[in-house]
C-alpha atoms as a PDB file:
ATOM      1  CA  UNK A   1      -0.109   0.081   0.011  1.00  0.00           C
ATOM      2  CA  UNK A   2       1.124   3.446  -0.551  1.00  0.00           C
ATOM      3  CA  UNK A   3       1.413   6.081   2.340  1.00  0.00           C
ATOM      4  CA  UNK A   4      -1.278   8.428   0.616  1.00  0.00           C
ATOM      5  CA  UNK A   5      -3.921   5.830   1.441  1.00  0.00           C
ATOM      6  CA  UNK A   6      -3.068   6.177   4.960  1.00  0.00           C
ATOM      7  CA  UNK A   7      -3.017   9.881   4.849  1.00  0.00           C
ATOM      8  CA  UNK A   8      -0.429  12.516   4.570  1.00  0.00           C
ATOM      9  CA  UNK A   9       2.980  11.423   5.914  1.00  0.00           C
ATOM     10  CA  UNK A  10       4.286  12.759   9.042  1.00  0.00           C
ATOM     11  CA  UNK A  11       7.863  13.919   9.603  1.00  0.00           C
ATOM     12  CA  UNK A  12       9.632  12.297  12.332  1.00  0.00           C
ATOM     13  CA  UNK A  13       9.829  14.205  15.464  1.00  0.00           C
ATOM     14  CA  UNK A  14      13.195  15.018  16.903  1.00  0.00           C
ATOM     15  CA  UNK A  15      13.580  13.709  20.387  1.00  0.00           C
ATOM     16  CA  UNK A  16      15.701  14.939  23.066  1.00  0.00           C
ATOM     17  CA  UNK A  17      17.579  12.258  24.897  1.00  0.00           C
ATOM     18  CA  UNK A  18      18.937  14.189  27.986  1.00  0.00           C
ATOM     19  CA  UNK A  19      15.575  15.917  28.675  1.00  0.00           C
ATOM     20  CA  UNK A  20      17.357  19.013  29.608  1.00  0.00           C
ATOM     21  CA  UNK A  21      15.713  22.445  28.816  1.00  0.00           C
ATOM     22  CA  UNK A  22      19.006  24.041  27.605  1.00  0.00           C
ATOM     23  CA  UNK A  23      18.231  25.603  24.146  1.00  0.00           C
ATOM     24  CA  UNK A  24      14.642  25.842  24.095  1.00  0.00           C
ATOM     25  CA  UNK A  25      14.185  28.209  26.730  1.00  0.00           C
ATOM     26  CA  UNK A  26      14.640  31.404  24.664  1.00  0.00           C
ATOM     27  CA  UNK A  27      10.929  31.272  23.858  1.00  0.00           C
ATOM     28  CA  UNK A  28       9.755  28.397  25.097  1.00  0.00           C
ATOM     29  CA  UNK A  29       7.830  27.682  28.713  1.00  0.00           C
ATOM     30  CA  UNK A  30       9.306  25.362  31.144  1.00  0.00           C
ATOM     31  CA  UNK A  31       7.173  24.577  34.161  1.00  0.00           C
ATOM     32  CA  UNK A  32       7.050  22.116  37.091  1.00  0.00           C
ATOM     33  CA  UNK A  33       5.299  21.925  40.517  1.00  0.00           C
ATOM     34  CA  UNK A  34       7.088  23.999  43.052  1.00  0.00           C
ATOM     35  CA  UNK A  35       7.333  21.156  45.659  1.00  0.00           C
ATOM     36  CA  UNK A  36       8.158  17.595  45.236  1.00  0.00           C
ATOM     37  CA  UNK A  37       5.157  15.016  45.218  1.00  0.00           C
ATOM     38  CA  UNK A  38       6.069  13.513  48.660  1.00  0.00           C
ATOM     39  CA  UNK A  39       6.008  17.063  50.474  1.00  0.00           C
ATOM     40  CA  UNK A  40       2.668  17.832  48.744  1.00  0.00           C
ATOM     41  CA  UNK A  41       1.166  14.649  49.855  1.00  0.00           C
ATOM     42  CA  UNK A  42       2.637  15.363  53.369  1.00  0.00           C
ATOM     43  CA  UNK A  43       0.994  18.657  53.356  1.00  0.00           C
ATOM     44  CA  UNK A  44      -2.435  17.277  52.362  1.00  0.00           C
ATOM     45  CA  UNK A  45      -2.159  14.583  55.156  1.00  0.00           C
ATOM     46  CA  UNK A  46      -1.181  17.128  57.795  1.00  0.00           C
ATOM     47  CA  UNK A  47      -4.178  19.526  57.055  1.00  0.00           C
ATOM     48  CA  UNK A  48      -6.377  16.432  57.187  1.00  0.00           C
ATOM     49  CA  UNK A  49      -4.808  15.239  60.281  1.00  0.00           C
ATOM     50  CA  UNK A  50      -5.081  18.643  61.945  1.00  0.00           C
ATOM     51  CA  UNK A  51      -8.809  18.972  61.127  1.00  0.00           C
ATOM     52  CA  UNK A  52      -9.436  15.330  62.344  1.00  0.00           C
ATOM     53  CA  UNK A  53      -7.976  16.242  65.512  1.00  0.00           C
ATOM     54  CA  UNK A  54     -10.063  19.388  65.818  1.00  0.00           C
ATOM     55  CA  UNK A  55     -13.152  17.112  65.258  1.00  0.00           C
ATOM     56  CA  UNK A  56     -12.119  14.621  67.660  1.00  0.00           C
ATOM     57  CA  UNK A  57     -11.314  17.484  70.265  1.00  0.00           C
ATOM     58  CA  UNK A  58     -14.621  19.142  69.322  1.00  0.00           C
ATOM     59  CA  UNK A  59     -16.343  18.087  72.803  1.00  0.00           C
ATOM     60  CA  UNK A  60     -13.880  19.331  75.042  1.00  0.00           C
ATOM     61  CA  UNK A  61     -13.300  22.488  72.976  1.00  0.00           C
ATOM     62  CA  UNK A  62     -17.378  23.084  73.308  1.00  0.00           C
ATOM     63  CA  UNK A  63     -16.982  22.735  77.102  1.00  0.00           C
ATOM     64  CA  UNK A  64     -14.312  25.368  77.264  1.00  0.00           C
ATOM     65  CA  UNK A  65     -15.059  29.041  77.850  1.00  0.00           C
ATOM     66  CA  UNK A  66     -14.337  31.051  74.747  1.00  0.00           C
ATOM     67  CA  UNK A  67     -14.039  34.706  74.194  1.00  0.00           C
ATOM     68  CA  UNK A  68     -14.944  36.097  70.877  1.00  0.00           C
ATOM     69  CA  UNK A  69     -11.300  37.127  70.107  1.00  0.00           C
ATOM     70  CA  UNK A  70     -10.225  33.645  70.834  1.00  0.00           C
ATOM     71  CA  UNK A  71     -12.566  32.255  68.400  1.00  0.00           C
ATOM     72  CA  UNK A  72     -11.424  34.675  65.591  1.00  0.00           C
ATOM     73  CA  UNK A  73      -7.846  33.796  66.365  1.00  0.00           C
ATOM     74  CA  UNK A  74      -8.710  29.912  66.188  1.00  0.00           C
ATOM     75  CA  UNK A  75     -10.847  30.604  62.844  1.00  0.00           C
ATOM     76  CA  UNK A  76      -7.849  32.791  61.331  1.00  0.00           C
ATOM     77  CA  UNK A  77      -5.372  30.034  62.459  1.00  0.00           C
ATOM     78  CA  UNK A  78      -7.593  27.182  60.594  1.00  0.00           C
ATOM     79  CA  UNK A  79      -7.723  29.616  57.437  1.00  0.00           C
ATOM     80  CA  UNK A  80      -3.823  30.029  57.230  1.00  0.00           C
ATOM     81  CA  UNK A  81      -3.355  26.325  57.670  1.00  0.00           C
ATOM     82  CA  UNK A  82      -5.642  25.375  54.649  1.00  0.00           C
ATOM     83  CA  UNK A  83      -4.293  28.343  52.682  1.00  0.00           C
ATOM     84  CA  UNK A  84      -0.748  27.358  53.052  1.00  0.00           C
ATOM     85  CA  UNK A  85      -1.580  23.649  52.414  1.00  0.00           C
ATOM     86  CA  UNK A  86      -3.349  24.657  49.280  1.00  0.00           C
ATOM     87  CA  UNK A  87      -0.579  26.664  48.054  1.00  0.00           C
ATOM     88  CA  UNK A  88       2.003  23.889  48.928  1.00  0.00           C
ATOM     89  CA  UNK A  89      -0.167  21.529  46.895  1.00  0.00           C
ATOM     90  CA  UNK A  90      -0.748  23.820  43.848  1.00  0.00           C
ATOM     91  CA  UNK A  91       2.236  26.178  43.693  1.00  0.00           C
ATOM     92  CA  UNK A  92       4.114  26.003  40.323  1.00  0.00           C
ATOM     93  CA  UNK A  93       7.471  27.356  39.037  1.00  0.00           C
ATOM     94  CA  UNK A  94       7.661  28.586  35.304  1.00  0.00           C
ATOM     95  CA  UNK A  95      10.511  29.934  33.021  1.00  0.00           C
ATOM     96  CA  UNK A  96       8.958  32.108  30.339  1.00  0.00           C
ATOM     97  CA  UNK A  97      11.866  32.967  28.209  1.00  0.00           C
ATOM     98  CA  UNK A  98      13.930  34.935  30.940  1.00  0.00           C
ATOM     99  CA  UNK A  99      11.327  35.525  33.310  1.00  0.00           C
ATOM    100  CA  UNK A 100      11.104  33.114  36.323  1.00  0.00           C
ATOM    101  CA  UNK A 101       7.856  32.942  38.110  1.00  0.00           C
ATOM    102  CA  UNK A 102       6.517  31.145  41.052  1.00  0.00           C
ATOM    103  CA  UNK A 103       2.847  31.094  42.115  1.00  0.00           C
ATOM    104  CA  UNK A 104       2.598  31.130  45.892  1.00  0.00           C
ATOM    105  CA  UNK A 105       0.531  33.143  48.520  1.00  0.00           C
ATOM    106  CA  UNK A 106       1.662  36.010  46.432  1.00  0.00           C
ATOM    107  CA  UNK A 107       3.207  35.547  42.837  1.00  0.00           C
ATOM    108  CA  UNK A 108       6.963  35.839  42.717  1.00  0.00           C
ATOM    109  CA  UNK A 109       8.499  37.124  39.412  1.00  0.00           C
ATOM    110  CA  UNK A 110      12.160  38.019  38.283  1.00  0.00           C
ATOM    111  CA  UNK A 111      13.705  38.628  34.934  1.00  0.00           C
ATOM    112  CA  UNK A 112      17.133  37.638  33.932  1.00  0.00           C
ATOM    113  CA  UNK A 113      18.187  41.217  33.629  1.00  0.00           C
ATOM    114  CA  UNK A 114      17.179  42.208  37.186  1.00  0.00           C
ATOM    115  CA  UNK A 115      19.460  39.383  38.642  1.00  0.00           C
ATOM    116  CA  UNK A 116      22.868  40.202  40.645  1.00  0.00           C
ATOM    117  CA  UNK A 117      23.715  36.984  42.131  1.00  0.00           C
ATOM    118  CA  UNK A 118      22.183  33.617  42.259  1.00  0.00           C
ATOM    119  CA  UNK A 119      22.715  30.395  44.420  1.00  0.00           C
ATOM    120  CA  UNK A 120      21.072  27.098  43.767  1.00  0.00           C
ATOM    121  CA  UNK A 121      20.548  25.091  46.940  1.00  0.00           C
ATOM    122  CA  UNK A 122      19.797  21.390  46.022  1.00  0.00           C
ATOM    123  CA  UNK A 123      20.584  18.362  48.403  1.00  0.00           C
ATOM    124  CA  UNK A 124      20.297  15.707  45.820  1.00  0.00           C
ATOM    125  CA  UNK A 125      19.496  12.789  48.752  1.00  0.00           C
ATOM    126  CA  UNK A 126      16.801  14.897  50.149  1.00  0.00           C
ATOM    127  CA  UNK A 127      15.306  16.181  46.761  1.00  0.00           C
ATOM    128  CA  UNK A 128      11.970  14.188  47.429  1.00  0.00           C
ATOM    129  CA  UNK A 129      11.239  16.189  50.796  1.00  0.00           C
ATOM    130  CA  UNK A 130      13.132  19.348  50.077  1.00  0.00           C
ATOM    131  CA  UNK A 131      12.555  21.079  46.777  1.00  0.00           C
ATOM    132  CA  UNK A 132      15.525  22.442  45.212  1.00  0.00           C
ATOM    133  CA  UNK A 133      15.794  26.226  45.293  1.00  0.00           C
ATOM    134  CA  UNK A 134      17.168  29.158  44.022  1.00  0.00           C
ATOM    135  CA  UNK A 135      18.229  32.326  45.960  1.00  0.00           C
ATOM    136  CA  UNK A 136      17.977  35.351  43.793  1.00  0.00           C
ATOM    137  CA  UNK A 137      19.532  38.624  44.731  1.00  0.00           C
ATOM    138  CA  UNK A 138      18.361  41.565  42.493  1.00  0.00           C
ATOM    139  CA  UNK A 139      20.462  44.423  41.392  1.00  0.00           C
ATOM    140  CA  UNK A 140      18.765  47.180  43.293  1.00  0.00           C
ATOM    141  CA  UNK A 141      18.088  45.304  46.634  1.00  0.00           C
ATOM    142  CA  UNK A 142      15.683  42.582  47.329  1.00  0.00           C
ATOM    143  CA  UNK A 143      16.297  38.813  47.717  1.00  0.00           C
ATOM    144  CA  UNK A 144      13.629  35.866  46.768  1.00  0.00           C
ATOM    145  CA  UNK A 145      13.690  32.289  46.953  1.00  0.00           C
ATOM    146  CA  UNK A 146      12.249  30.072  44.011  1.00  0.00           C
ATOM    147  CA  UNK A 147      11.278  26.549  44.714  1.00  0.00           C
ATOM    148  CA  UNK A 148      10.899  23.975  41.732  1.00  0.00           C
ATOM    149  CA  UNK A 149      10.421  20.310  42.253  1.00  0.00           C
ATOM    150  CA  UNK A 150      12.700  19.992  39.033  1.00  0.00           C
ATOM    151  CA  UNK A 151      15.984  21.628  39.371  1.00  0.00           C
ATOM    152  CA  UNK A 152      16.041  21.968  35.476  1.00  0.00           C
ATOM    153  CA  UNK A 153      13.720  25.167  35.628  1.00  0.00           C
ATOM    154  CA  UNK A 154      15.910  26.797  38.141  1.00  0.00           C
ATOM    155  CA  UNK A 155      19.165  25.909  36.029  1.00  0.00           C
ATOM    156  CA  UNK A 156      17.638  26.990  32.802  1.00  0.00           C
ATOM    157  CA  UNK A 157      17.045  30.240  34.489  1.00  0.00           C
ATOM    158  CA  UNK A 158      20.657  30.485  35.547  1.00  0.00           C
ATOM    159  CA  UNK A 159      21.791  29.983  32.028  1.00  0.00           C
ATOM    160  CA  UNK A 160      19.382  32.716  30.900  1.00  0.00           C
ATOM    161  CA  UNK A 161      21.234  34.864  33.492  1.00  0.00           C
ATOM    162  CA  UNK A 162      24.497  33.781  32.312  1.00  0.00           C
ATOM    163  CA  UNK A 163      23.581  34.689  28.751  1.00  0.00           C
ATOM    164  CA  UNK A 164      23.069  38.226  29.835  1.00  0.00           C
ATOM    165  CA  UNK A 165      26.284  38.763  32.317  1.00  0.00           C
ATOM    166  CA  UNK A 166      28.683  36.967  30.185  1.00  0.00           C
ATOM    167  CA  UNK A 167      30.145  39.470  27.435  1.00  0.00           C
ATOM    168  CA  UNK A 168      30.353  38.066  23.934  1.00  0.00           C
ATOM    169  CA  UNK A 169      33.691  36.809  22.718  1.00  0.00           C
ATOM    170  CA  UNK A 170      35.652  39.009  20.540  1.00  0.00           C
ATOM    171  CA  UNK A 171      35.580  37.812  16.754  1.00  0.00           C
ATOM    172  CA  UNK A 172      38.609  35.637  15.778  1.00  0.00           C
ATOM    173  CA  UNK A 173      40.922  37.364  13.335  1.00  0.00           C
END
């Protein structure tokens, strides 16, 4: 049979064997969860356990003498626990060209042009619990931590910063 009988022939797609973001970061988007799966699961389990403990303690909590301000503080504390747990689970780190963004309680964003210094903190043996993180110091002050379950996102951002800070080589004569 001919190829035309089965429809137009598709061109084979080139596969990247090392899965490194390397050269596609200039216009592409690289994204990963901000925290590793084990840590996100642990956050869900801890939030559920805290609320299960609160329900179990409900009879003794009802018997206590509560003031209005104490109830407000307990309510705010419960909201904070749920809010931080939510962001641990759903936070994402994304490299958009030369801008690194992490969604969190407030979004963190830094452009490669603004960076004065970078420090990658990555403990290989503990990466299932402690996410690789990048300390970014900005040129005009300020410091921000970015977390990513995949260190390749942070390394690709470091490469974007290096491209901007290393002067081009003079032409060979």
